[in-house]
Structures are given as C-alpha cells and as structure tokens.
Amino acid sequence: MAREIGCYILTHRYSGYFYIGSSQHLSKRLSNHQYDLTKGLHCNRKLQAAFTGWSDLKVEINYTDTIEQAR
C-alpha cells in the first residue's frame, strides 16, 4: 500500500507561482489539481492563469505519517 498522507507544493516553473497543500489521499488530491488546472477551474487564480499560458508544473511531495505532521 502506497503512502498517501503528506504535504505538497505545485510550482509553475516559468512564473514561479506556487500552491501548497496537504492531504490524507495525495494521489487523488493531485489528480484533482491536474484536472482543475486543465479545465481552467483551479482555486488559485494566479497559478491557473500561469498554467493556462504555459503548462509546465513541478510537483514536490513530502510524505508524513499523520495529517497533523503534513499541515
């Protein structure tokens, strides 16, 4: 079973805009971010605008044992 708890940073490589989050279900949450960005629906407007213009996104993940550690 893969580790699914942790925090993450989504960074738009070209502009440097980033989004930091945490989840107990990382693979599902990261898939949701990718879907939202692709469809133009992401909650972070600056990241969405940057992604729409140049879709080069870097994903960094830090796995933790608990959601409290991730936050």
C-alpha atoms as a PDB file:
ATOM      1  CA  MET A   1       0.000   0.000   0.000  1.00  0.00           C
ATOM      2  CA  ALA A   2       1.421   3.368  -1.044  1.00  0.00           C
ATOM      3  CA  ARG A   3       1.829   6.155   1.474  1.00  0.00           C
ATOM      4  CA  GLU A   4      -0.900   8.712   0.874  1.00  0.00           C
ATOM      5  CA  ILE A   5      -0.507  11.276   3.680  1.00  0.00           C
ATOM      6  CA  GLY A   6       1.661  14.337   3.207  1.00  0.00           C
ATOM      7  CA  CYS A   7       2.090  17.882   2.004  1.00  0.00           C
ATOM      8  CA  TYR A   8       2.909  19.086  -1.485  1.00  0.00           C
ATOM      9  CA  ILE A   9       3.960  22.119  -3.475  1.00  0.00           C
ATOM     10  CA  LEU A  10       2.770  22.733  -7.033  1.00  0.00           C
ATOM     11  CA  THR A  11       5.113  25.212  -8.713  1.00  0.00           C
ATOM     12  CA  HIS A  12       4.636  26.747 -12.132  1.00  0.00           C
ATOM     13  CA  ARG A  13       8.213  26.581 -13.428  1.00  0.00           C
ATOM     14  CA  TYR A  14       8.041  29.571 -15.751  1.00  0.00           C
ATOM     15  CA  SER A  15       6.425  32.130 -13.429  1.00  0.00           C
ATOM     16  CA  GLY A  16       7.379  30.766 -10.008  1.00  0.00           C
ATOM     17  CA  TYR A  17       3.786  30.864  -8.724  1.00  0.00           C
ATOM     18  CA  PHE A  18       3.080  28.047  -6.324  1.00  0.00           C
ATOM     19  CA  TYR A  19       0.364  26.323  -4.326  1.00  0.00           C
ATOM     20  CA  ILE A  20       0.965  24.481  -1.048  1.00  0.00           C
ATOM     21  CA  GLY A  21      -1.434  21.866   0.258  1.00  0.00           C
ATOM     22  CA  SER A  22      -1.782  18.735   2.351  1.00  0.00           C
ATOM     23  CA  SER A  23      -3.931  15.637   2.084  1.00  0.00           C
ATOM     24  CA  GLN A  24      -4.630  12.227   3.511  1.00  0.00           C
ATOM     25  CA  HIS A  25      -5.156  10.988  -0.072  1.00  0.00           C
ATOM     26  CA  LEU A  26      -2.301  12.539  -2.067  1.00  0.00           C
ATOM     27  CA  SER A  27      -2.780  10.740  -5.388  1.00  0.00           C
ATOM     28  CA  LYS A  28      -6.466  11.680  -5.530  1.00  0.00           C
ATOM     29  CA  ARG A  29      -5.821  15.292  -4.478  1.00  0.00           C
ATOM     30  CA  LEU A  30      -3.032  15.785  -7.008  1.00  0.00           C
ATOM     31  CA  SER A  31      -5.252  14.318  -9.738  1.00  0.00           C
ATOM     32  CA  ASN A  32      -7.947  16.837  -8.753  1.00  0.00           C
ATOM     33  CA  HIS A  33      -5.452  19.701  -9.067  1.00  0.00           C
ATOM     34  CA  GLN A  34      -4.375  18.496 -12.509  1.00  0.00           C
ATOM     35  CA  TYR A  35      -7.991  18.201 -13.646  1.00  0.00           C
ATOM     36  CA  ASP A  36      -8.901  21.671 -12.322  1.00  0.00           C
ATOM     37  CA  LEU A  37      -5.865  23.270 -13.967  1.00  0.00           C
ATOM     38  CA  THR A  38      -6.544  21.549 -17.280  1.00  0.00           C
ATOM     39  CA  LYS A  39     -10.201  22.625 -17.230  1.00  0.00           C
ATOM     40  CA  GLY A  40      -9.426  26.181 -16.055  1.00  0.00           C
ATOM     41  CA  LEU A  41     -11.124  25.717 -12.677  1.00  0.00           C
ATOM     42  CA  HIS A  42      -8.274  25.880 -10.135  1.00  0.00           C
ATOM     43  CA  CYS A  43      -8.988  27.843  -6.936  1.00  0.00           C
ATOM     44  CA  ASN A  44      -5.601  29.642  -7.083  1.00  0.00           C
ATOM     45  CA  ARG A  45      -6.195  32.252  -9.795  1.00  0.00           C
ATOM     46  CA  LYS A  46      -2.548  33.202 -10.300  1.00  0.00           C
ATOM     47  CA  LEU A  47      -1.470  29.586 -10.664  1.00  0.00           C
ATOM     48  CA  GLN A  48      -4.377  28.954 -13.037  1.00  0.00           C
ATOM     49  CA  ALA A  49      -3.506  31.964 -15.186  1.00  0.00           C
ATOM     50  CA  ALA A  50       0.151  30.942 -15.347  1.00  0.00           C
ATOM     51  CA  PHE A  51      -0.726  27.314 -16.123  1.00  0.00           C
ATOM     52  CA  THR A  52      -3.123  28.342 -18.891  1.00  0.00           C
ATOM     53  CA  GLY A  53      -0.337  30.316 -20.559  1.00  0.00           C
ATOM     54  CA  TRP A  54       2.436  27.752 -20.028  1.00  0.00           C
ATOM     55  CA  SER A  55       1.559  24.384 -18.515  1.00  0.00           C
ATOM     56  CA  ASP A  56       4.945  23.384 -17.026  1.00  0.00           C
ATOM     57  CA  LEU A  57       4.178  22.318 -13.452  1.00  0.00           C
ATOM     58  CA  LYS A  58       6.620  20.906 -10.879  1.00  0.00           C
ATOM     59  CA  VAL A  59       5.219  18.725  -8.077  1.00  0.00           C
ATOM     60  CA  GLU A  60       7.118  18.221  -4.810  1.00  0.00           C
ATOM     61  CA  ILE A  61       5.784  15.775  -2.212  1.00  0.00           C
ATOM     62  CA  ASN A  62       6.754  15.333   1.427  1.00  0.00           C
ATOM     63  CA  TYR A  63       5.220  12.158   2.853  1.00  0.00           C
ATOM     64  CA  THR A  64       4.297  12.132   6.541  1.00  0.00           C
ATOM     65  CA  ASP A  65       2.803   9.647   8.992  1.00  0.00           C
ATOM     66  CA  THR A  66      -0.127  11.834  10.018  1.00  0.00           C
ATOM     67  CA  ILE A  67      -2.145  14.682   8.519  1.00  0.00           C
ATOM     68  CA  GLU A  68      -1.151  16.840  11.503  1.00  0.00           C
ATOM     69  CA  GLN A  69       2.515  16.472  10.515  1.00  0.00           C
ATOM     70  CA  ALA A  70       1.649  17.357   6.940  1.00  0.00           C
ATOM     71  CA  ARG A  71      -0.132  20.537   7.952  1.00  0.00           C
END
